[in-house]
């Protein structure tokens, strides 16, 4: 059996207290001097992990020629760079000949979870600029490290959020930042993919940054239209021209601040604006009622505006294309026009700008840029807001009721959460819901890894169970962290010799539930809604029971928590 110990005790400049050093073979001076950071010269790269004869070694200052030959060889494994003590980035040149006929650099993070950041995939079309391979690799690895560090300081990026880079990180001066998004209808074949959840990143240019800040879906779809790829390409072309030349005259000027970025049109996950023929249906998610009401309550009395989200159930999406300083409407679709049934819009604005008239017209609807403008009477907008408040469906006829062929319907529907939109807040032990429970993200996790550096486990989160509510209210975050950290370390120490077994069983997200009271002590551990293998239990008892009793003897409070761990394969 391979002995394990914390990664912190293997690599220099980091130490783990209370861990006995492994007395086996001594590492070479080259390995021990590997510094987990970038070297000073422009083309030098971080150390890599190289596996040979069932042993994984840290290689500092790898030979660039050999390195890039391995990256370009389809039969070779990806190259794994150690970007920092928690983050490894795998790099490979892949041939996406199954769909887009593009050869791309593929950068895949592994270990972002240590800073509570979703993993990141960056694809770059080969030969899309004249940047050298080594410099390109270094730049992207630096960007990955910046994403990790930002998340570690409490600012992770998520779907349809962006991040701007300083000049030293840019692949080219025009690639000033990155817009992140989720995989939807794109083809993932041939790609290296990390453990879910993960994001893809598209580089953005300076003139596109205002749209990334205020209206990212418009930018994402416009890039998709540029490449004729629905909803957007997964790969980057570094020298592509900008799709927007800044912010021109747009209806969104009335709804968003493009100067100081203090406010924008509200976006609630799960809200979609669907166009079915001439009808407009606003779909509101029931499980996000509070967020919808926040948007309604923050709106003016005579206006209601909402941003829409991308929906994979739609056949296409409206796209706003800049032409001659104005924004024109196009449709980007996954089907032919004659087969299109439902098209999504990026926003809707309902305003009480319609004056009552003898014709009895209550509403008028029209497409504006990539959204829908609905003019209604003052009474109708009150009815719409009341219906939303009461979570009721609502429909109003737009157009002249005397001419049925010229009318359309504008409606509100409440929908159940889609599987992809539901928060993943379930216990890996038995599926118990974590919704509405107090939790604490572990910003500086303790990582344990094998001496062969093939896998690691880190503590990412702790949930305080309902019977622990009083304790949570009385103790500070620091006290709560201290109370649970010794149990977390004992658990990782016990599991570390079995990480490859857990990976083989796809038990990557593990829950440890601990319940301590004056009259009893218990713990339960599992993954994928089942118990861990029986051969792991004796080691768990040996490590966990003393740690749990130590906490119980020192704590004056009842403790009922569930600790969440993530197992990651490095190479």
Protein backbone atom coordinates (compact mmCIF):
# COMPACT_ATOMS: atom_id res chain seq x y z
CA UNK A 1 0.00 0.00 0.00
CA UNK A 2 1.31 3.44 -0.92
CA UNK A 3 1.80 5.81 1.99
CA UNK A 4 0.18 9.23 1.68
CA UNK A 5 0.82 12.57 3.26
CA UNK A 6 -0.34 16.17 2.74
CA UNK A 7 0.83 17.79 -0.49
CA UNK A 8 1.92 20.73 1.67
CA UNK A 9 4.62 18.58 3.26
CA UNK A 10 5.98 17.36 -0.10
CA UNK A 11 6.42 20.69 -1.81
CA UNK A 12 8.75 23.40 -0.47
CA UNK A 13 7.60 26.62 1.18
CA UNK A 14 4.50 24.95 2.66
CA UNK A 15 4.24 22.94 5.84
CA UNK A 16 1.51 20.91 7.54
CA UNK A 17 1.64 20.76 11.32
CA UNK A 18 1.25 17.47 13.06
CA UNK A 19 2.11 15.33 10.01
CA UNK A 20 4.88 12.76 10.26
CA UNK A 21 7.21 13.00 7.21
CA UNK A 22 7.42 9.93 5.02
CA UNK A 23 10.73 8.13 5.69
CA UNK A 24 10.99 6.50 2.24
CA UNK A 25 13.27 7.46 -0.65
CA UNK A 26 14.58 11.03 -0.69
CA UNK A 27 13.59 13.20 -3.61
CA UNK A 28 16.18 14.68 -5.93
CA UNK A 29 17.41 18.22 -5.47
CA UNK A 30 15.64 19.15 -8.69
CA UNK A 31 12.32 17.88 -7.36
CA UNK A 32 12.67 19.49 -3.97
CA UNK A 33 13.63 22.84 -5.48
CA UNK A 34 10.51 22.91 -7.69
CA UNK A 35 8.76 26.15 -6.88
CA UNK A 36 5.06 26.27 -7.57
CA UNK A 37 5.05 29.56 -9.42
CA UNK A 38 6.13 30.98 -12.73
CA UNK A 39 9.76 31.54 -13.49
CA UNK A 40 10.95 35.02 -14.36
CA UNK A 41 11.77 34.61 -18.05
CA UNK A 42 9.07 35.05 -20.65
CA UNK A 43 9.00 31.51 -22.02
CA UNK A 44 9.75 29.42 -18.91
CA UNK A 45 6.82 27.40 -17.65
CA UNK A 46 5.76 25.98 -14.27
CA UNK A 47 6.89 22.51 -13.23
CA UNK A 48 5.07 19.55 -14.75
CA UNK A 49 4.00 16.18 -13.41
CA UNK A 50 5.40 13.33 -15.44
CA UNK A 51 4.46 9.70 -14.90
CA UNK A 52 7.02 7.00 -15.66
CA UNK A 53 7.08 3.36 -14.56
CA UNK A 54 4.08 3.87 -12.27
CA UNK A 55 5.84 6.78 -10.57
CA UNK A 56 4.99 10.44 -10.89
CA UNK A 57 7.79 12.98 -10.67
CA UNK A 58 7.88 16.77 -10.52
CA UNK A 59 9.96 18.09 -13.43
CA UNK A 60 11.19 21.65 -13.09
CA UNK A 61 12.19 23.62 -16.22
CA UNK A 62 10.98 20.96 -18.68
CA UNK A 63 12.51 20.76 -22.14
CA UNK A 64 10.22 22.82 -24.37
CA UNK A 65 10.76 20.80 -27.55
CA UNK A 66 9.83 17.53 -25.84
CA UNK A 67 6.97 19.22 -24.04
CA UNK A 68 5.25 20.56 -27.15
CA UNK A 69 5.84 17.35 -29.06
CA UNK A 70 3.91 15.55 -26.31
CA UNK A 71 1.11 18.12 -26.42
CA UNK A 72 0.72 17.70 -30.19
CA UNK A 73 0.92 13.90 -30.21
CA UNK A 74 -2.59 12.40 -30.18
CA UNK A 75 -1.26 9.21 -28.59
CA UNK A 76 0.37 10.98 -25.65
CA UNK A 77 -1.29 12.01 -22.41
CA UNK A 78 -1.93 15.71 -21.74
CA UNK A 79 0.86 17.66 -20.07
CA UNK A 80 -0.01 18.48 -16.44
CA UNK A 81 1.38 21.80 -15.15
CA UNK A 82 1.57 22.56 -11.43
CA UNK A 83 0.32 26.14 -11.39
CA UNK A 84 0.11 26.42 -7.60
CA UNK A 85 0.01 24.01 -4.67
CA UNK A 86 -3.68 23.27 -5.30
CA UNK A 87 -4.11 23.82 -9.01
CA UNK A 88 -3.01 21.62 -11.88
CA UNK A 89 -3.76 22.55 -15.51
CA UNK A 90 -3.74 19.87 -18.20
CA UNK A 91 -2.79 21.00 -21.71
CA UNK A 92 -3.26 19.20 -25.01
CA UNK A 93 -3.66 20.05 -28.70
CA UNK A 94 -6.89 18.39 -29.84
CA UNK A 95 -8.45 17.90 -33.25
CA UNK A 96 -12.15 18.84 -33.14
CA UNK A 97 -12.82 17.16 -36.47
CA UNK A 98 -16.17 15.79 -35.32
CA UNK A 99 -18.02 19.09 -35.65
CA UNK A 100 -16.15 22.34 -36.30
CA UNK A 101 -13.04 21.01 -38.10
CA UNK A 102 -10.74 23.01 -35.85
CA UNK A 103 -7.44 22.12 -34.24
CA UNK A 104 -7.29 23.74 -30.82
CA UNK A 105 -5.20 24.16 -27.73
CA UNK A 106 -7.16 22.76 -24.78
CA UNK A 107 -6.41 24.01 -21.26
CA UNK A 108 -8.32 22.25 -18.46
CA UNK A 109 -8.07 23.16 -14.80
CA UNK A 110 -8.05 20.58 -12.02
CA UNK A 111 -8.22 21.87 -8.46
CA UNK A 112 -10.23 25.09 -8.69
CA UNK A 113 -12.52 23.58 -6.06
CA UNK A 114 -9.90 24.38 -3.42
CA UNK A 115 -10.92 28.03 -3.81
CA UNK A 116 -14.62 27.25 -4.37
CA UNK A 117 -14.36 28.03 -8.05
CA UNK A 118 -15.90 25.88 -10.76
CA UNK A 119 -13.31 24.29 -13.05
CA UNK A 120 -12.43 26.18 -16.24
CA UNK A 121 -11.83 25.04 -19.83
CA UNK A 122 -10.13 27.36 -22.34
CA UNK A 123 -9.95 26.37 -26.01
CA UNK A 124 -7.83 28.36 -28.47
CA UNK A 125 -7.76 27.72 -32.21
CA UNK A 126 -4.26 26.84 -33.34
CA UNK A 127 -2.53 29.41 -35.54
CA UNK A 128 -5.16 32.04 -34.73
CA UNK A 129 -2.34 34.48 -33.95
CA UNK A 130 1.45 34.66 -34.31
CA UNK A 131 2.10 34.18 -30.58
CA UNK A 132 4.69 31.52 -29.78
CA UNK A 133 3.48 28.26 -28.24
CA UNK A 134 5.46 28.64 -25.03
CA UNK A 135 4.31 32.22 -24.47
CA UNK A 136 0.69 31.30 -25.20
CA UNK A 137 0.87 28.43 -22.72
CA UNK A 138 2.43 30.64 -20.08
CA UNK A 139 -0.19 33.35 -20.56
CA UNK A 140 -3.13 30.96 -20.23
CA UNK A 141 -1.63 29.28 -17.17
CA UNK A 142 -1.20 32.72 -15.61
CA UNK A 143 -4.85 33.46 -16.33
CA UNK A 144 -5.88 30.18 -14.70
CA UNK A 145 -3.89 31.11 -11.62
CA UNK A 146 -5.52 34.56 -11.54
CA UNK A 147 -8.99 32.97 -11.68
CA UNK A 148 -8.01 30.70 -8.78
CA UNK A 149 -6.60 33.57 -6.71
CA UNK A 150 -9.64 35.76 -7.31
CA UNK A 151 -11.92 32.97 -6.11
CA UNK A 152 -9.70 32.32 -3.10
CA UNK A 153 -10.30 35.91 -2.03
CA UNK A 154 -14.04 35.44 -2.20
CA UNK A 155 -14.79 36.40 -5.81
CA UNK A 156 -15.37 33.26 -7.89
CA UNK A 157 -16.70 33.68 -11.42
CA UNK A 158 -19.79 31.84 -12.64
CA UNK A 159 -22.00 31.53 -15.70
CA UNK A 160 -22.25 34.78 -17.75
CA UNK A 161 -19.76 36.60 -15.56
CA UNK A 162 -16.51 38.07 -16.80
CA UNK A 163 -13.00 38.80 -15.60
CA UNK A 164 -10.55 41.37 -16.88
CA UNK A 165 -6.81 40.69 -17.09
CA UNK A 166 -3.85 42.98 -16.54
CA UNK A 167 -1.56 43.50 -19.52
CA UNK A 168 0.98 40.87 -18.42
CA UNK A 169 -1.65 38.11 -18.72
CA UNK A 170 -3.09 38.99 -22.13
CA UNK A 171 -2.40 36.58 -24.99
CA UNK A 172 -2.66 39.66 -27.23
CA UNK A 173 -3.24 43.30 -26.26
CA UNK A 174 -6.79 43.06 -27.62
CA UNK A 175 -7.71 40.04 -25.43
CA UNK A 176 -8.42 42.14 -22.34
CA UNK A 177 -10.63 39.70 -20.46
CA UNK A 178 -12.75 36.59 -20.52
CA UNK A 179 -16.49 35.85 -20.50
CA UNK A 180 -17.47 32.58 -18.82
CA UNK A 181 -20.39 30.36 -19.80
CA UNK A 182 -21.82 26.87 -19.39
CA UNK A 183 -21.84 24.13 -21.99
CA UNK A 184 -25.34 23.87 -23.50
CA UNK A 185 -25.92 22.61 -27.04
CA UNK A 186 -22.31 22.64 -28.23
CA UNK A 187 -20.49 19.44 -29.13
CA UNK A 188 -18.10 18.28 -26.34
CA UNK A 189 -16.63 15.35 -28.25
CA UNK A 190 -12.85 15.11 -28.46
CA UNK A 191 -12.48 17.59 -25.56
CA UNK A 192 -10.62 17.12 -22.31
CA UNK A 193 -13.21 17.88 -19.65
CA UNK A 194 -12.76 18.33 -15.89
CA UNK A 195 -15.01 17.07 -13.13
CA UNK A 196 -18.36 18.88 -13.15
CA UNK A 197 -19.28 21.63 -12.63
CA UNK A 198 -17.14 23.60 -15.06
CA UNK A 199 -17.15 26.73 -17.24
CA UNK A 200 -15.80 27.60 -20.67
CA UNK A 201 -14.08 30.92 -21.30
CA UNK A 202 -14.19 33.23 -24.33
CA UNK A 203 -11.75 36.12 -24.70
CA UNK A 204 -13.33 39.55 -25.05
CA UNK A 205 -12.00 42.82 -26.40
CA UNK A 206 -12.02 46.26 -24.80
CA UNK A 207 -14.96 47.51 -26.89
CA UNK A 208 -16.96 44.45 -25.79
CA UNK A 209 -16.34 44.85 -22.04
CA UNK A 210 -19.38 47.12 -21.42
CA UNK A 211 -21.61 44.40 -22.86
CA UNK A 212 -19.89 41.71 -20.78
CA UNK A 213 -20.60 43.79 -17.68
CA UNK A 214 -24.19 44.78 -18.38
CA UNK A 215 -25.61 42.35 -20.89
CA UNK A 216 -23.37 39.28 -21.31
CA UNK A 217 -25.95 37.11 -23.11
CA UNK A 218 -26.16 39.63 -25.96
CA UNK A 219 -22.39 39.48 -26.39
CA UNK A 220 -22.24 35.69 -26.18
CA UNK A 221 -24.93 35.21 -28.84
CA UNK A 222 -23.41 37.86 -31.09
CA UNK A 223 -20.11 35.96 -31.04
CA UNK A 224 -22.13 32.85 -31.90
CA UNK A 225 -23.65 34.64 -34.90
CA UNK A 226 -20.19 35.76 -35.99
CA UNK A 227 -19.02 32.15 -36.16
CA UNK A 228 -22.42 30.77 -37.26
CA UNK A 229 -22.37 28.49 -34.22
CA UNK A 230 -25.39 28.17 -31.91
CA UNK A 231 -25.44 29.43 -29.25
CA UNK A 232 -21.72 30.30 -29.29
CA UNK A 233 -18.42 28.56 -30.09
CA UNK A 234 -16.44 26.82 -27.39
CA UNK A 235 -13.13 27.84 -28.97
CA UNK A 236 -11.35 31.17 -29.15
CA UNK A 237 -9.89 32.83 -32.24
CA UNK A 238 -7.38 35.28 -30.79
CA UNK A 239 -7.30 37.67 -33.74
CA UNK A 240 -11.06 37.83 -34.35
CA UNK A 241 -12.48 41.32 -34.91
CA UNK A 242 -14.69 42.77 -32.14
CA UNK A 243 -18.40 42.13 -32.64
CA UNK A 244 -19.32 45.47 -31.00
CA UNK A 245 -17.52 48.79 -31.36
CA UNK A 246 -18.47 50.02 -27.92
CA UNK A 247 -22.00 51.10 -26.99
CA UNK A 248 -24.06 52.89 -29.63
CA UNK A 249 -27.57 54.23 -29.36
CA UNK A 250 -29.58 51.40 -27.81
CA UNK A 251 -32.79 50.92 -25.88
CA UNK A 252 -30.71 49.38 -23.11
CA UNK A 253 -29.26 52.84 -22.39
CA UNK A 254 -32.53 53.46 -20.56
CA UNK A 255 -32.22 50.29 -18.48
CA UNK A 256 -28.51 49.98 -17.71
CA UNK A 257 -25.64 52.27 -16.69
CA UNK A 258 -22.91 52.04 -19.32
CA UNK A 259 -20.84 54.82 -17.72
CA UNK A 260 -20.32 53.79 -14.10
CA UNK A 261 -21.99 50.36 -14.22
CA UNK A 262 -24.01 51.00 -11.08
CA UNK A 263 -27.17 49.28 -12.30
CA UNK A 264 -28.40 47.09 -15.11
CA UNK A 265 -31.50 45.24 -16.22
CA UNK A 266 -32.24 42.56 -13.59
CA UNK A 267 -31.46 38.97 -14.54
CA UNK A 268 -32.91 36.03 -12.62
CA UNK A 269 -31.65 32.54 -13.44
CA UNK A 270 -34.36 30.48 -15.10
CA UNK A 271 -36.32 33.42 -16.57
CA UNK A 272 -36.86 33.04 -20.32
CA UNK A 273 -38.76 35.15 -22.85
CA UNK A 274 -40.23 32.82 -25.46
CA UNK A 275 -41.64 33.88 -28.83
CA UNK A 276 -44.13 31.37 -30.20
CA UNK A 277 -45.34 32.65 -33.52
CA UNK A 278 -46.73 36.10 -32.71
CA UNK A 279 -47.14 35.38 -28.99
CA UNK A 280 -44.73 36.34 -26.20
CA UNK A 281 -44.54 34.15 -23.09
CA UNK A 282 -42.52 35.19 -20.03
CA UNK A 283 -41.53 32.05 -18.13
CA UNK A 284 -40.79 32.64 -14.46
CA UNK A 285 -39.24 29.91 -12.24
CA UNK A 286 -41.32 29.10 -9.15
CA UNK A 287 -38.26 28.32 -7.02
CA UNK A 288 -36.86 31.81 -7.65
CA UNK A 289 -39.96 33.72 -6.62
CA UNK A 290 -38.07 35.90 -4.11
CA UNK A 291 -35.56 36.99 -6.77
CA UNK A 292 -38.35 37.73 -9.25
CA UNK A 293 -40.16 39.82 -6.66
CA UNK A 294 -36.95 41.71 -5.88
CA UNK A 295 -36.77 42.70 -9.56
CA UNK A 296 -40.44 43.71 -9.58
CA UNK A 297 -40.18 45.76 -6.38
CA UNK A 298 -37.08 47.59 -7.58
CA UNK A 299 -38.76 48.67 -10.83
CA UNK A 300 -40.55 51.95 -11.47
CA UNK A 301 -44.34 51.91 -11.03
CA UNK A 302 -44.93 52.23 -14.76
CA UNK A 303 -42.14 49.92 -16.00
CA UNK A 304 -41.11 46.30 -15.61
CA UNK A 305 -37.95 45.01 -17.28
CA UNK A 306 -36.32 41.59 -17.08
CA UNK A 307 -33.34 40.02 -18.80
CA UNK A 308 -33.87 36.59 -20.27
CA UNK A 309 -31.61 33.55 -20.10
CA UNK A 310 -30.54 31.10 -22.74
CA UNK A 311 -32.85 28.08 -22.95
CA UNK A 312 -31.82 24.83 -24.62
CA UNK A 313 -35.50 24.09 -25.26
CA UNK A 314 -35.76 26.96 -27.76
CA UNK A 315 -35.00 26.51 -31.47
CA UNK A 316 -33.25 29.85 -31.81
CA UNK A 317 -32.48 33.20 -30.24
CA UNK A 318 -32.73 36.82 -31.26
CA UNK A 319 -29.34 38.44 -31.85
CA UNK A 320 -28.49 42.14 -31.95
CA UNK A 321 -26.03 42.98 -34.75
CA UNK A 322 -24.33 46.37 -34.92
CA UNK A 323 -24.48 47.89 -38.39
CA UNK A 324 -23.79 51.51 -39.36
CA UNK A 325 -23.92 52.55 -35.69
CA UNK A 326 -27.33 50.99 -35.09
CA UNK A 327 -28.49 47.63 -33.74
CA UNK A 328 -30.39 45.36 -36.10
CA UNK A 329 -32.29 42.18 -35.24
CA UNK A 330 -31.23 38.79 -36.54
CA UNK A 331 -32.08 35.24 -35.50
CA UNK A 332 -29.48 32.62 -34.68
CA UNK A 333 -31.02 29.17 -34.82
CA UNK A 334 -30.22 25.49 -34.57
CA UNK A 335 -32.96 24.54 -37.07
CA UNK A 336 -34.13 25.80 -40.46
CA UNK A 337 -36.51 28.77 -40.39
CA UNK A 338 -39.51 26.72 -41.53
CA UNK A 339 -38.99 24.30 -38.61
CA UNK A 340 -38.54 26.97 -35.98
CA UNK A 341 -41.25 26.90 -33.28
CA UNK A 342 -39.89 28.79 -30.27
CA UNK A 343 -37.36 31.64 -30.35
CA UNK A 344 -35.93 33.22 -27.22
CA UNK A 345 -35.43 36.94 -26.62
CA UNK A 346 -32.72 38.45 -24.44
CA UNK A 347 -34.92 40.90 -22.55
CA UNK A 348 -38.44 42.26 -22.18
CA UNK A 349 -39.58 45.75 -21.26
CA UNK A 350 -43.18 46.36 -20.27
CA UNK A 351 -44.09 50.03 -19.95
CA UNK A 352 -47.35 51.81 -19.15
CA UNK A 353 -46.93 54.13 -22.16
CA UNK A 354 -50.20 53.19 -23.87
CA UNK A 355 -53.10 55.56 -23.42
CA UNK A 356 -56.60 54.06 -23.28
CA UNK A 357 -58.48 54.65 -26.52
CA UNK A 358 -61.88 53.92 -28.04
CA UNK A 359 -60.48 50.90 -29.89
CA UNK A 360 -60.02 49.11 -26.57
CA UNK A 361 -56.37 48.27 -27.28
CA UNK A 362 -54.73 47.20 -24.01
CA UNK A 363 -51.27 46.30 -25.26
CA UNK A 364 -48.87 46.55 -28.19
CA UNK A 365 -45.88 44.27 -28.63
CA UNK A 366 -42.88 44.58 -30.93
CA UNK A 367 -39.35 43.18 -31.29
CA UNK A 368 -36.61 45.71 -30.54
CA UNK A 369 -32.97 44.72 -31.08
CA UNK A 370 -32.77 41.28 -29.40
CA UNK A 371 -35.66 41.85 -27.02
CA UNK A 372 -39.38 42.57 -26.81
CA UNK A 373 -41.01 45.92 -26.05
CA UNK A 374 -44.58 45.76 -24.71
CA UNK A 375 -46.62 48.92 -24.25
CA UNK A 376 -49.63 48.53 -21.98
CA UNK A 377 -52.11 50.76 -20.16
CA UNK A 378 -51.50 51.78 -16.55
CA UNK A 379 -54.18 49.35 -15.35
CA UNK A 380 -52.63 46.42 -17.18
CA UNK A 381 -49.15 46.89 -15.73
CA UNK A 382 -50.67 46.92 -12.26
CA UNK A 383 -52.46 43.67 -13.06
CA UNK A 384 -49.23 42.12 -14.36
CA UNK A 385 -47.30 43.02 -11.22
CA UNK A 386 -50.14 41.78 -9.00
CA UNK A 387 -50.24 38.47 -10.86
CA UNK A 388 -46.50 38.04 -10.35
CA UNK A 389 -46.83 38.87 -6.66
CA UNK A 390 -49.60 36.27 -6.29
CA UNK A 391 -47.67 33.76 -8.44
CA UNK A 392 -50.53 33.50 -10.91
CA UNK A 393 -50.52 33.14 -14.66
CA UNK A 394 -51.64 36.11 -16.71
CA UNK A 395 -52.45 36.86 -20.36
CA UNK A 396 -53.26 40.08 -22.19
CA UNK A 397 -54.18 40.54 -25.84
CA UNK A 398 -51.88 42.84 -27.79
CA UNK A 399 -53.19 44.64 -30.85
CA UNK A 400 -56.66 45.67 -32.03
CA UNK A 401 -59.28 43.20 -30.75
CA UNK A 402 -61.44 44.11 -33.73
CA UNK A 403 -58.85 42.54 -36.04
CA UNK A 404 -58.14 39.06 -34.59
CA UNK A 405 -55.58 38.24 -37.29
CA UNK A 406 -53.50 41.22 -36.18
CA UNK A 407 -53.51 40.35 -32.46
CA UNK A 408 -51.09 38.40 -30.32
CA UNK A 409 -50.88 37.27 -26.73
CA UNK A 410 -48.45 38.42 -24.04
CA UNK A 411 -48.48 36.04 -21.09
CA UNK A 412 -46.81 35.05 -17.86
CA UNK A 413 -46.26 31.40 -16.94
CA UNK A 414 -44.77 29.97 -13.76
CA UNK A 415 -42.58 26.94 -14.31
CA UNK A 416 -40.94 24.27 -12.19
CA UNK A 417 -37.16 24.29 -12.08
CA UNK A 418 -35.33 22.55 -14.88
CA UNK A 419 -32.87 19.91 -13.74
CA UNK A 420 -29.96 22.03 -14.98
CA UNK A 421 -31.24 25.06 -13.04
CA UNK A 422 -31.84 23.39 -9.70
CA UNK A 423 -29.26 24.20 -7.03
CA UNK A 424 -27.07 21.15 -6.40
CA UNK A 425 -27.51 21.30 -2.65
CA UNK A 426 -27.93 17.64 -1.73
CA UNK A 427 -26.00 15.45 0.66
CA UNK A 428 -23.78 12.91 -1.14
CA UNK A 429 -24.53 10.52 1.74
CA UNK A 430 -28.29 10.10 1.33
CA UNK A 431 -29.61 12.98 -0.78
CA UNK A 432 -30.81 15.05 2.18
CA UNK A 433 -31.50 18.60 1.02
CA UNK A 434 -29.11 21.33 2.12
CA UNK A 435 -31.47 24.09 1.00
CA UNK A 436 -31.79 26.90 3.55
CA UNK A 437 -29.04 25.47 5.77
CA UNK A 438 -26.20 27.62 7.03
CA UNK A 439 -22.96 26.68 5.32
CA UNK A 440 -19.35 27.80 5.29
CA UNK A 441 -17.03 27.66 2.28
CA UNK A 442 -13.51 26.54 3.10
CA UNK A 443 -11.36 29.20 1.45
CA UNK A 444 -8.00 27.77 2.48
CA UNK A 445 -8.43 24.03 2.32
CA UNK A 446 -6.12 21.35 3.65
CA UNK A 447 -5.11 19.11 0.74
CA UNK A 448 -3.92 15.54 1.13
CA UNK A 449 -2.36 13.70 -1.76
CA UNK A 450 -0.49 10.51 -2.59
CA UNK A 451 3.27 10.47 -2.57
CA UNK A 452 3.00 9.53 -6.25
CA UNK A 453 1.01 12.76 -6.78
CA UNK A 454 -1.70 10.98 -8.76
CA UNK A 455 -4.71 12.23 -6.78
CA UNK A 456 -5.68 14.51 -3.93
CA UNK A 457 -8.59 15.19 -1.62
CA UNK A 458 -9.60 18.57 -0.26
CA UNK A 459 -12.21 19.87 2.15
CA UNK A 460 -14.45 22.36 0.36
CA UNK A 461 -17.49 23.07 2.53
CA UNK A 462 -19.31 22.44 5.79
CA UNK A 463 -23.07 22.52 6.36
CA UNK A 464 -24.59 23.05 9.80
CA UNK A 465 -27.56 20.74 10.24
CA UNK A 466 -30.92 21.90 11.66
CA UNK A 467 -30.22 20.60 15.18
CA UNK A 468 -27.06 22.76 15.19
CA UNK A 469 -28.80 26.10 14.62
CA UNK A 470 -28.26 27.42 18.14
CA UNK A 471 -24.54 26.64 17.97
CA UNK A 472 -24.20 28.45 14.64
CA UNK A 473 -25.81 31.56 16.09
CA UNK A 474 -23.60 31.65 19.18
CA UNK A 475 -20.20 30.89 17.68
CA UNK A 476 -18.09 32.92 15.25
CA UNK A 477 -17.01 31.59 11.87
CA UNK A 478 -13.49 31.15 13.23
CA UNK A 479 -14.71 29.09 16.19
CA UNK A 480 -16.88 26.96 13.93
CA UNK A 481 -13.95 26.41 11.57
CA UNK A 482 -11.64 25.38 14.40
CA UNK A 483 -14.27 22.99 15.74
CA UNK A 484 -14.56 21.13 12.44
CA UNK A 485 -11.04 21.38 10.98
CA UNK A 486 -9.51 18.62 13.12
CA UNK A 487 -12.28 16.25 12.06
CA UNK A 488 -11.77 17.22 8.42
CA UNK A 489 -8.01 16.57 8.62
CA UNK A 490 -8.56 13.19 10.27
CA UNK A 491 -11.02 12.18 7.55
CA UNK A 492 -8.70 13.19 4.71
CA UNK A 493 -5.78 11.43 6.37
CA UNK A 494 -7.85 8.25 6.59
CA UNK A 495 -9.10 8.41 3.02
CA UNK A 496 -5.85 9.45 1.36
CA UNK A 497 -4.45 5.90 0.95
CA UNK A 498 -7.62 4.98 -0.97
CA UNK A 499 -8.03 7.90 -3.36
CA UNK A 500 -7.49 5.89 -6.54
CA UNK A 501 -10.04 3.32 -5.33
CA UNK A 502 -12.56 6.11 -4.77
CA UNK A 503 -11.82 7.56 -8.21
CA UNK A 504 -12.31 4.13 -9.82
CA UNK A 505 -15.73 3.92 -8.10
CA UNK A 506 -16.49 7.54 -9.18
CA UNK A 507 -16.90 8.52 -5.52
CA UNK A 508 -15.55 12.01 -6.00
CA UNK A 509 -17.84 14.07 -3.75
CA UNK A 510 -17.86 12.69 -0.22
CA UNK A 511 -19.97 13.70 2.75
CA UNK A 512 -19.08 13.18 6.42
CA UNK A 513 -21.98 13.78 8.82
CA UNK A 514 -21.04 14.16 12.48
CA UNK A 515 -23.49 14.48 15.36
CA UNK A 516 -22.11 15.18 18.83
CA UNK A 517 -24.23 15.57 21.94
CA UNK A 518 -23.72 15.06 25.65
CA UNK A 519 -25.33 11.63 25.56
CA UNK A 520 -24.22 10.19 22.19
CA UNK A 521 -21.71 10.44 19.35
CA UNK A 522 -22.19 9.27 15.76
CA UNK A 523 -20.80 9.77 12.28
CA UNK A 524 -21.87 8.69 8.82
CA UNK A 525 -19.85 8.90 5.62
CA UNK A 526 -20.77 8.21 2.02
CA UNK A 527 -20.78 9.24 -1.61
CA UNK A 528 -23.19 8.83 -4.52
CA UNK A 529 -25.97 8.08 -1.99
CA UNK A 530 -24.19 4.96 -0.75
CA UNK A 531 -21.66 3.95 1.89
CA UNK A 532 -17.95 3.90 1.22
CA UNK A 533 -16.30 0.50 0.62
CA UNK A 534 -16.09 -1.67 3.75
CA UNK A 535 -12.29 -1.94 3.59
CA UNK A 536 -12.03 1.81 4.29
CA UNK A 537 -14.06 1.74 7.50
CA UNK A 538 -11.41 0.42 9.95
CA UNK A 539 -8.98 3.18 8.95
CA UNK A 540 -11.76 5.76 9.22
CA UNK A 541 -12.61 4.56 12.73
CA UNK A 542 -8.95 4.69 13.77
CA UNK A 543 -8.58 8.29 12.57
CA UNK A 544 -12.02 9.78 13.09
CA UNK A 545 -13.05 8.46 16.50
CA UNK A 546 -10.15 10.11 18.41
CA UNK A 547 -10.65 13.39 16.50
CA UNK A 548 -14.39 13.41 17.17
CA UNK A 549 -13.95 12.64 20.88
CA UNK A 550 -11.34 15.39 21.12
CA UNK A 551 -13.80 17.90 19.70
CA UNK A 552 -16.54 16.61 22.03
CA UNK A 553 -14.34 16.95 25.11
CA UNK A 554 -13.30 20.51 24.26
CA UNK A 555 -16.56 21.84 22.87
CA UNK A 556 -19.19 23.36 25.10
CA UNK A 557 -21.76 23.24 22.32
CA UNK A 558 -23.67 20.55 20.50
CA UNK A 559 -22.18 19.86 17.07
CA UNK A 560 -24.22 18.59 14.10
CA UNK A 561 -22.46 19.15 10.79
CA UNK A 562 -21.85 17.64 7.38
CA UNK A 563 -18.41 18.15 5.85
CA UNK A 564 -18.02 17.97 2.07
CA UNK A 565 -14.82 16.72 0.44
CA UNK A 566 -13.77 16.60 -3.22
CA UNK A 567 -11.47 13.95 -4.67
CA UNK A 568 -9.48 15.05 -7.71
CA UNK A 569 -7.32 12.97 -10.05
CA UNK A 570 -4.19 14.93 -10.97
CA UNK A 571 -2.63 12.66 -13.60
